[in-house]
Amino acid sequence: NGFGAIIAAAGKAAHLAGAIAANTTLPVIGIPVKS
């Protein structure tokens, strides 16, 4: 779909970036969000 990188932001358990990274070889950048 034309993406070159993915930014994933989540708080608390913050599994979003890991869940995304587990399903792509694109670079994933995680933003831990203050809760």
All heavy atoms as atom14 arrays in JSON, in Angstrom:
{
  "sequence": "NGFGAIIAAAGKAAHLAGAIAANTTLPVIGIPVKS",
  "atom14_mask": [
    [1, 1, 1, 1, 1, 1, 1, 1, 0, 0, 0, 0, 0, 0],
    [1, 1, 1, 1, 0, 0, 0, 0, 0, 0, 0, 0, 0, 0],
    [1, 1, 1, 1, 1, 1, 1, 1, 1, 1, 1, 0, 0, 0],
    [1, 1, 1, 1, 0, 0, 0, 0, 0, 0, 0, 0, 0, 0],
    [1, 1, 1, 1, 1, 0, 0, 0, 0, 0, 0, 0, 0, 0],
    [1, 1, 1, 1, 1, 1, 1, 1, 0, 0, 0, 0, 0, 0],
    [1, 1, 1, 1, 1, 1, 1, 1, 0, 0, 0, 0, 0, 0],
    [1, 1, 1, 1, 1, 0, 0, 0, 0, 0, 0, 0, 0, 0],
    [1, 1, 1, 1, 1, 0, 0, 0, 0, 0, 0, 0, 0, 0],
    [1, 1, 1, 1, 1, 0, 0, 0, 0, 0, 0, 0, 0, 0],
    [1, 1, 1, 1, 0, 0, 0, 0, 0, 0, 0, 0, 0, 0],
    [1, 1, 1, 1, 1, 1, 1, 1, 1, 0, 0, 0, 0, 0],
    [1, 1, 1, 1, 1, 0, 0, 0, 0, 0, 0, 0, 0, 0],
    [1, 1, 1, 1, 1, 0, 0, 0, 0, 0, 0, 0, 0, 0],
    [1, 1, 1, 1, 1, 1, 1, 1, 1, 1, 0, 0, 0, 0],
    [1, 1, 1, 1, 1, 1, 1, 1, 0, 0, 0, 0, 0, 0],
    [1, 1, 1, 1, 1, 0, 0, 0, 0, 0, 0, 0, 0, 0],
    [1, 1, 1, 1, 0, 0, 0, 0, 0, 0, 0, 0, 0, 0],
    [1, 1, 1, 1, 1, 0, 0, 0, 0, 0, 0, 0, 0, 0],
    [1, 1, 1, 1, 1, 1, 1, 1, 0, 0, 0, 0, 0, 0],
    [1, 1, 1, 1, 1, 0, 0, 0, 0, 0, 0, 0, 0, 0],
    [1, 1, 1, 1, 1, 0, 0, 0, 0, 0, 0, 0, 0, 0],
    [1, 1, 1, 1, 1, 1, 1, 1, 0, 0, 0, 0, 0, 0],
    [1, 1, 1, 1, 1, 1, 1, 0, 0, 0, 0, 0, 0, 0],
    [1, 1, 1, 1, 1, 1, 1, 0, 0, 0, 0, 0, 0, 0],
    [1, 1, 1, 1, 1, 1, 1, 1, 0, 0, 0, 0, 0, 0],
    [1, 1, 1, 1, 1, 1, 1, 0, 0, 0, 0, 0, 0, 0],
    [1, 1, 1, 1, 1, 1, 1, 0, 0, 0, 0, 0, 0, 0],
    [1, 1, 1, 1, 1, 1, 1, 1, 0, 0, 0, 0, 0, 0],
    [1, 1, 1, 1, 0, 0, 0, 0, 0, 0, 0, 0, 0, 0],
    [1, 1, 1, 1, 1, 1, 1, 1, 0, 0, 0, 0, 0, 0],
    [1, 1, 1, 1, 1, 1, 1, 0, 0, 0, 0, 0, 0, 0],
    [1, 1, 1, 1, 1, 1, 1, 0, 0, 0, 0, 0, 0, 0],
    [1, 1, 1, 1, 1, 1, 1, 1, 1, 0, 0, 0, 0, 0],
    [1, 1, 1, 1, 1, 1, 0, 0, 0, 0, 0, 0, 0, 0]
  ],
  "atom14_positions": [
    [[0.8, -1.22, 0.0], [0.0, 0.0, 0.0], [0.84, 1.28, 0.0], [0.31, 2.37, 0.21], [-0.98, -0.01, 1.18], [-2.08, -1.04, 0.96], [-2.48, -1.32, -0.17], [-2.57, -1.62, 2.04], [0.0, 0.0, 0.0], [0.0, 0.0, 0.0], [0.0, 0.0, 0.0], [0.0, 0.0, 0.0], [0.0, 0.0, 0.0], [0.0, 0.0, 0.0]],
    [[2.14, 1.14, -0.23], [2.99, 2.3, -0.44], [3.63, 2.91, 0.79], [4.14, 4.03, 0.72], [0.0, 0.0, 0.0], [0.0, 0.0, 0.0], [0.0, 0.0, 0.0], [0.0, 0.0, 0.0], [0.0, 0.0, 0.0], [0.0, 0.0, 0.0], [0.0, 0.0, 0.0], [0.0, 0.0, 0.0], [0.0, 0.0, 0.0], [0.0, 0.0, 0.0]],
    [[3.64, 2.21, 1.9], [4.25, 2.74, 3.11], [5.74, 2.38, 3.17], [6.15, 1.33, 2.7], [3.53, 2.21, 4.36], [2.13, 2.72, 4.49], [1.06, 1.98, 4.03], [1.9, 3.98, 5.02], [-0.23, 2.46, 4.12], [0.6, 4.47, 5.11], [-0.46, 3.71, 4.66], [0.0, 0.0, 0.0], [0.0, 0.0, 0.0], [0.0, 0.0, 0.0]],
    [[6.52, 3.29, 3.75], [7.94, 3.06, 3.93], [8.34, 2.94, 5.39], [9.43, 2.47, 5.7], [0.0, 0.0, 0.0], [0.0, 0.0, 0.0], [0.0, 0.0, 0.0], [0.0, 0.0, 0.0], [0.0, 0.0, 0.0], [0.0, 0.0, 0.0], [0.0, 0.0, 0.0], [0.0, 0.0, 0.0], [0.0, 0.0, 0.0], [0.0, 0.0, 0.0]],
    [[7.47, 3.35, 6.29], [7.71, 3.25, 7.74], [6.37, 3.36, 8.45], [5.42, 3.94, 7.91], [8.66, 4.34, 8.22], [0.0, 0.0, 0.0], [0.0, 0.0, 0.0], [0.0, 0.0, 0.0], [0.0, 0.0, 0.0], [0.0, 0.0, 0.0], [0.0, 0.0, 0.0], [0.0, 0.0, 0.0], [0.0, 0.0, 0.0], [0.0, 0.0, 0.0]],
    [[6.33, 2.81, 9.64], [5.1, 2.84, 10.44], [5.44, 3.36, 11.83], [6.38, 2.89, 12.46], [4.46, 1.43, 10.56], [4.11, 0.89, 9.17], [3.23, 1.47, 11.47], [3.67, -0.56, 9.17], [0.0, 0.0, 0.0], [0.0, 0.0, 0.0], [0.0, 0.0, 0.0], [0.0, 0.0, 0.0], [0.0, 0.0, 0.0], [0.0, 0.0, 0.0]],
    [[4.66, 4.33, 12.28], [4.76, 4.84, 13.64], [3.55, 4.3, 14.4], [2.42, 4.41, 13.93], [4.74, 6.39, 13.65], [5.95, 6.94, 12.91], [4.67, 6.91, 15.09], [5.89, 8.45, 12.69], [0.0, 0.0, 0.0], [0.0, 0.0, 0.0], [0.0, 0.0, 0.0], [0.0, 0.0, 0.0], [0.0, 0.0, 0.0], [0.0, 0.0, 0.0]],
    [[3.8, 3.71, 15.57], [2.71, 3.15, 16.37], [2.78, 3.71, 17.78], [3.78, 3.55, 18.47], [2.81, 1.62, 16.39], [0.0, 0.0, 0.0], [0.0, 0.0, 0.0], [0.0, 0.0, 0.0], [0.0, 0.0, 0.0], [0.0, 0.0, 0.0], [0.0, 0.0, 0.0], [0.0, 0.0, 0.0], [0.0, 0.0, 0.0], [0.0, 0.0, 0.0]],
    [[1.71, 4.37, 18.2], [1.65, 5.0, 19.52], [0.62, 4.3, 20.39], [-0.51, 4.09, 19.96], [1.28, 6.48, 19.38], [0.0, 0.0, 0.0], [0.0, 0.0, 0.0], [0.0, 0.0, 0.0], [0.0, 0.0, 0.0], [0.0, 0.0, 0.0], [0.0, 0.0, 0.0], [0.0, 0.0, 0.0], [0.0, 0.0, 0.0], [0.0, 0.0, 0.0]],
    [[1.04, 3.96, 21.6], [0.1, 3.31, 22.52], [0.58, 3.5, 23.95], [1.78, 3.62, 24.21], [-0.04, 1.82, 22.21], [0.0, 0.0, 0.0], [0.0, 0.0, 0.0], [0.0, 0.0, 0.0], [0.0, 0.0, 0.0], [0.0, 0.0, 0.0], [0.0, 0.0, 0.0], [0.0, 0.0, 0.0], [0.0, 0.0, 0.0], [0.0, 0.0, 0.0]],
    [[-0.35, 3.52, 24.86], [-0.04, 3.63, 26.28], [-0.31, 2.32, 26.99], [-0.67, 1.32, 26.38], [0.0, 0.0, 0.0], [0.0, 0.0, 0.0], [0.0, 0.0, 0.0], [0.0, 0.0, 0.0], [0.0, 0.0, 0.0], [0.0, 0.0, 0.0], [0.0, 0.0, 0.0], [0.0, 0.0, 0.0], [0.0, 0.0, 0.0], [0.0, 0.0, 0.0]],
    [[-0.09, 2.34, 28.28], [-0.29, 1.19, 29.17], [0.47, -0.03, 28.67], [1.68, 0.01, 28.58], [-1.77, 0.94, 29.4], [-2.43, 2.15, 30.04], [-3.75, 1.83, 30.65], [-4.27, 3.1, 31.29], [-5.33, 2.88, 32.2], [0.0, 0.0, 0.0], [0.0, 0.0, 0.0], [0.0, 0.0, 0.0], [0.0, 0.0, 0.0], [0.0, 0.0, 0.0]],
    [[-0.2, -1.12, 28.3], [0.5, -2.33, 27.88], [1.28, -2.12, 26.58], [2.26, -2.8, 26.33], [-0.48, -3.48, 27.72], [0.0, 0.0, 0.0], [0.0, 0.0, 0.0], [0.0, 0.0, 0.0], [0.0, 0.0, 0.0], [0.0, 0.0, 0.0], [0.0, 0.0, 0.0], [0.0, 0.0, 0.0], [0.0, 0.0, 0.0], [0.0, 0.0, 0.0]],
    [[0.85, -1.17, 25.75], [1.59, -0.72, 24.56], [2.04, -1.83, 23.63], [3.15, -1.81, 23.13], [2.76, 0.15, 24.98], [0.0, 0.0, 0.0], [0.0, 0.0, 0.0], [0.0, 0.0, 0.0], [0.0, 0.0, 0.0], [0.0, 0.0, 0.0], [0.0, 0.0, 0.0], [0.0, 0.0, 0.0], [0.0, 0.0, 0.0], [0.0, 0.0, 0.0]],
    [[1.2, -2.78, 23.36], [1.58, -3.88, 22.46], [1.41, -3.55, 20.99], [1.73, -4.36, 20.14], [0.78, -5.13, 22.81], [1.1, -5.68, 24.16], [0.14, -6.01, 25.06], [2.28, -5.93, 24.75], [0.71, -6.45, 26.16], [2.01, -6.4, 26.0], [0.0, 0.0, 0.0], [0.0, 0.0, 0.0], [0.0, 0.0, 0.0], [0.0, 0.0, 0.0]],
    [[0.89, -2.38, 20.67], [0.58, -2.05, 19.28], [1.81, -2.1, 18.38], [1.79, -2.74, 17.33], [-0.09, -0.68, 19.19], [-0.51, -0.24, 17.79], [-1.51, -1.23, 17.18], [-1.11, 1.15, 17.84], [0.0, 0.0, 0.0], [0.0, 0.0, 0.0], [0.0, 0.0, 0.0], [0.0, 0.0, 0.0], [0.0, 0.0, 0.0], [0.0, 0.0, 0.0]],
    [[2.89, -1.45, 18.75], [4.08, -1.44, 17.9], [4.61, -2.85, 17.68], [4.97, -3.22, 16.56], [5.17, -0.55, 18.52], [0.0, 0.0, 0.0], [0.0, 0.0, 0.0], [0.0, 0.0, 0.0], [0.0, 0.0, 0.0], [0.0, 0.0, 0.0], [0.0, 0.0, 0.0], [0.0, 0.0, 0.0], [0.0, 0.0, 0.0], [0.0, 0.0, 0.0]],
    [[4.63, -3.65, 18.72], [5.08, -5.03, 18.59], [4.16, -5.87, 17.72], [4.62, -6.69, 16.92], [0.0, 0.0, 0.0], [0.0, 0.0, 0.0], [0.0, 0.0, 0.0], [0.0, 0.0, 0.0], [0.0, 0.0, 0.0], [0.0, 0.0, 0.0], [0.0, 0.0, 0.0], [0.0, 0.0, 0.0], [0.0, 0.0, 0.0], [0.0, 0.0, 0.0]],
    [[2.86, -5.66, 17.87], [1.9, -6.4, 17.05], [2.05, -6.02, 15.58], [1.97, -6.88, 14.7], [0.47, -6.13, 17.53], [0.0, 0.0, 0.0], [0.0, 0.0, 0.0], [0.0, 0.0, 0.0], [0.0, 0.0, 0.0], [0.0, 0.0, 0.0], [0.0, 0.0, 0.0], [0.0, 0.0, 0.0], [0.0, 0.0, 0.0], [0.0, 0.0, 0.0]],
    [[2.29, -4.74, 15.32], [2.5, -4.29, 13.94], [3.81, -4.88, 13.42], [3.88, -5.44, 12.31], [2.52, -2.75, 13.86], [1.16, -2.15, 14.25], [2.97, -2.27, 12.48], [0.02, -2.44, 13.31], [0.0, 0.0, 0.0], [0.0, 0.0, 0.0], [0.0, 0.0, 0.0], [0.0, 0.0, 0.0], [0.0, 0.0, 0.0], [0.0, 0.0, 0.0]],
    [[4.88, -4.76, 14.2], [6.2, -5.24, 13.76], [6.21, -6.75, 13.5], [6.94, -7.22, 12.63], [7.25, -4.89, 14.81], [0.0, 0.0, 0.0], [0.0, 0.0, 0.0], [0.0, 0.0, 0.0], [0.0, 0.0, 0.0], [0.0, 0.0, 0.0], [0.0, 0.0, 0.0], [0.0, 0.0, 0.0], [0.0, 0.0, 0.0], [0.0, 0.0, 0.0]],
    [[5.39, -7.5, 14.23], [5.33, -8.94, 14.03], [4.75, -9.31, 12.68], [4.93, -10.44, 12.21], [4.5, -9.58, 15.14], [0.0, 0.0, 0.0], [0.0, 0.0, 0.0], [0.0, 0.0, 0.0], [0.0, 0.0, 0.0], [0.0, 0.0, 0.0], [0.0, 0.0, 0.0], [0.0, 0.0, 0.0], [0.0, 0.0, 0.0], [0.0, 0.0, 0.0]],
    [[4.08, -8.34, 12.04], [3.39, -8.65, 10.79], [3.89, -7.86, 9.58], [3.23, -7.81, 8.55], [1.89, -8.41, 10.99], [1.29, -9.45, 11.89], [1.16, -10.6, 11.51], [0.95, -9.05, 13.1], [0.0, 0.0, 0.0], [0.0, 0.0, 0.0], [0.0, 0.0, 0.0], [0.0, 0.0, 0.0], [0.0, 0.0, 0.0], [0.0, 0.0, 0.0]],
    [[5.06, -7.23, 9.71], [5.65, -6.51, 8.58], [7.16, -6.49, 8.76], [7.66, -6.61, 9.88], [5.12, -5.07, 8.46], [5.62, -4.48, 7.26], [5.51, -4.21, 9.65], [0.0, 0.0, 0.0], [0.0, 0.0, 0.0], [0.0, 0.0, 0.0], [0.0, 0.0, 0.0], [0.0, 0.0, 0.0], [0.0, 0.0, 0.0], [0.0, 0.0, 0.0]],
    [[7.86, -6.32, 7.64], [9.31, -6.11, 7.72], [9.66, -4.64, 7.5], [10.83, -4.29, 7.43], [10.05, -6.99, 6.71], [9.53, -6.74, 5.4], [9.91, -8.47, 7.06], [0.0, 0.0, 0.0], [0.0, 0.0, 0.0], [0.0, 0.0, 0.0], [0.0, 0.0, 0.0], [0.0, 0.0, 0.0], [0.0, 0.0, 0.0], [0.0, 0.0, 0.0]],
    [[8.65, -3.79, 7.4], [8.91, -2.35, 7.33], [9.42, -1.87, 8.68], [9.09, -2.47, 9.73], [7.62, -1.59, 6.99], [7.09, -1.72, 5.57], [5.76, -1.01, 5.45], [8.09, -1.18, 4.57], [0.0, 0.0, 0.0], [0.0, 0.0, 0.0], [0.0, 0.0, 0.0], [0.0, 0.0, 0.0], [0.0, 0.0, 0.0], [0.0, 0.0, 0.0]],
    [[10.18, -0.77, 8.72], [10.59, -0.23, 10.01], [9.38, 0.25, 10.81], [8.51, 0.93, 10.27], [11.48, 0.97, 9.63], [11.8, 0.81, 8.19], [10.72, -0.03, 7.58], [0.0, 0.0, 0.0], [0.0, 0.0, 0.0], [0.0, 0.0, 0.0], [0.0, 0.0, 0.0], [0.0, 0.0, 0.0], [0.0, 0.0, 0.0], [0.0, 0.0, 0.0]],
    [[9.35, -0.12, 12.08], [8.28, 0.29, 12.99], [8.91, 1.12, 14.1], [9.9, 0.7, 14.71], [7.52, -0.92, 13.56], [6.48, -0.47, 14.6], [6.87, -1.73, 12.45], [0.0, 0.0, 0.0], [0.0, 0.0, 0.0], [0.0, 0.0, 0.0], [0.0, 0.0, 0.0], [0.0, 0.0, 0.0], [0.0, 0.0, 0.0], [0.0, 0.0, 0.0]],
    [[8.31, 2.26, 14.34], [8.79, 3.17, 15.38], [7.69, 3.27, 16.44], [6.58, 3.69, 16.13], [9.09, 4.57, 14.79], [10.09, 4.45, 13.63], [9.59, 5.51, 15.88], [10.1, 5.63, 12.7], [0.0, 0.0, 0.0], [0.0, 0.0, 0.0], [0.0, 0.0, 0.0], [0.0, 0.0, 0.0], [0.0, 0.0, 0.0], [0.0, 0.0, 0.0]],
    [[8.02, 2.89, 17.65], [7.03, 2.92, 18.72], [7.11, 4.2, 19.55], [8.2, 4.65, 19.88], [0.0, 0.0, 0.0], [0.0, 0.0, 0.0], [0.0, 0.0, 0.0], [0.0, 0.0, 0.0], [0.0, 0.0, 0.0], [0.0, 0.0, 0.0], [0.0, 0.0, 0.0], [0.0, 0.0, 0.0], [0.0, 0.0, 0.0], [0.0, 0.0, 0.0]],
    [[5.95, 4.75, 19.83], [5.85, 5.89, 20.75], [5.14, 5.4, 22.0], [3.92, 5.16, 21.97], [5.03, 7.06, 20.16], [5.58, 7.52, 18.81], [4.99, 8.22, 21.16], [4.65, 8.52, 18.1], [0.0, 0.0, 0.0], [0.0, 0.0, 0.0], [0.0, 0.0, 0.0], [0.0, 0.0, 0.0], [0.0, 0.0, 0.0], [0.0, 0.0, 0.0]],
    [[5.85, 5.25, 23.1], [5.16, 4.94, 24.35], [4.43, 6.19, 24.84], [5.01, 7.26, 24.89], [6.28, 4.54, 25.3], [7.55, 4.92, 24.65], [7.29, 5.3, 23.24], [0.0, 0.0, 0.0], [0.0, 0.0, 0.0], [0.0, 0.0, 0.0], [0.0, 0.0, 0.0], [0.0, 0.0, 0.0], [0.0, 0.0, 0.0], [0.0, 0.0, 0.0]],
    [[3.15, 6.03, 25.13], [2.32, 7.18, 25.52], [2.13, 7.17, 27.04], [1.81, 6.14, 27.64], [0.96, 7.14, 24.79], [0.06, 8.27, 25.26], [1.18, 7.22, 23.28], [0.0, 0.0, 0.0], [0.0, 0.0, 0.0], [0.0, 0.0, 0.0], [0.0, 0.0, 0.0], [0.0, 0.0, 0.0], [0.0, 0.0, 0.0], [0.0, 0.0, 0.0]],
    [[2.32, 8.33, 27.63], [2.16, 8.48, 29.08], [0.71, 8.21, 29.47], [-0.21, 8.71, 28.85], [2.55, 9.9, 29.49], [2.51, 10.15, 30.97], [2.99, 11.56, 31.29], [2.93, 11.8, 32.78], [3.46, 13.11, 33.14], [0.0, 0.0, 0.0], [0.0, 0.0, 0.0], [0.0, 0.0, 0.0], [0.0, 0.0, 0.0], [0.0, 0.0, 0.0]],
    [[0.56, 7.41, 30.5], [-0.78, 7.12, 31.01], [-0.87, 7.62, 32.45], [0.13, 8.0, 33.05], [-1.07, 5.62, 30.95], [-0.19, 4.91, 31.81], [0.0, 0.0, 0.0], [0.0, 0.0, 0.0], [0.0, 0.0, 0.0], [0.0, 0.0, 0.0], [0.0, 0.0, 0.0], [0.0, 0.0, 0.0], [0.0, 0.0, 0.0], [0.0, 0.0, 0.0]]
  ]
}
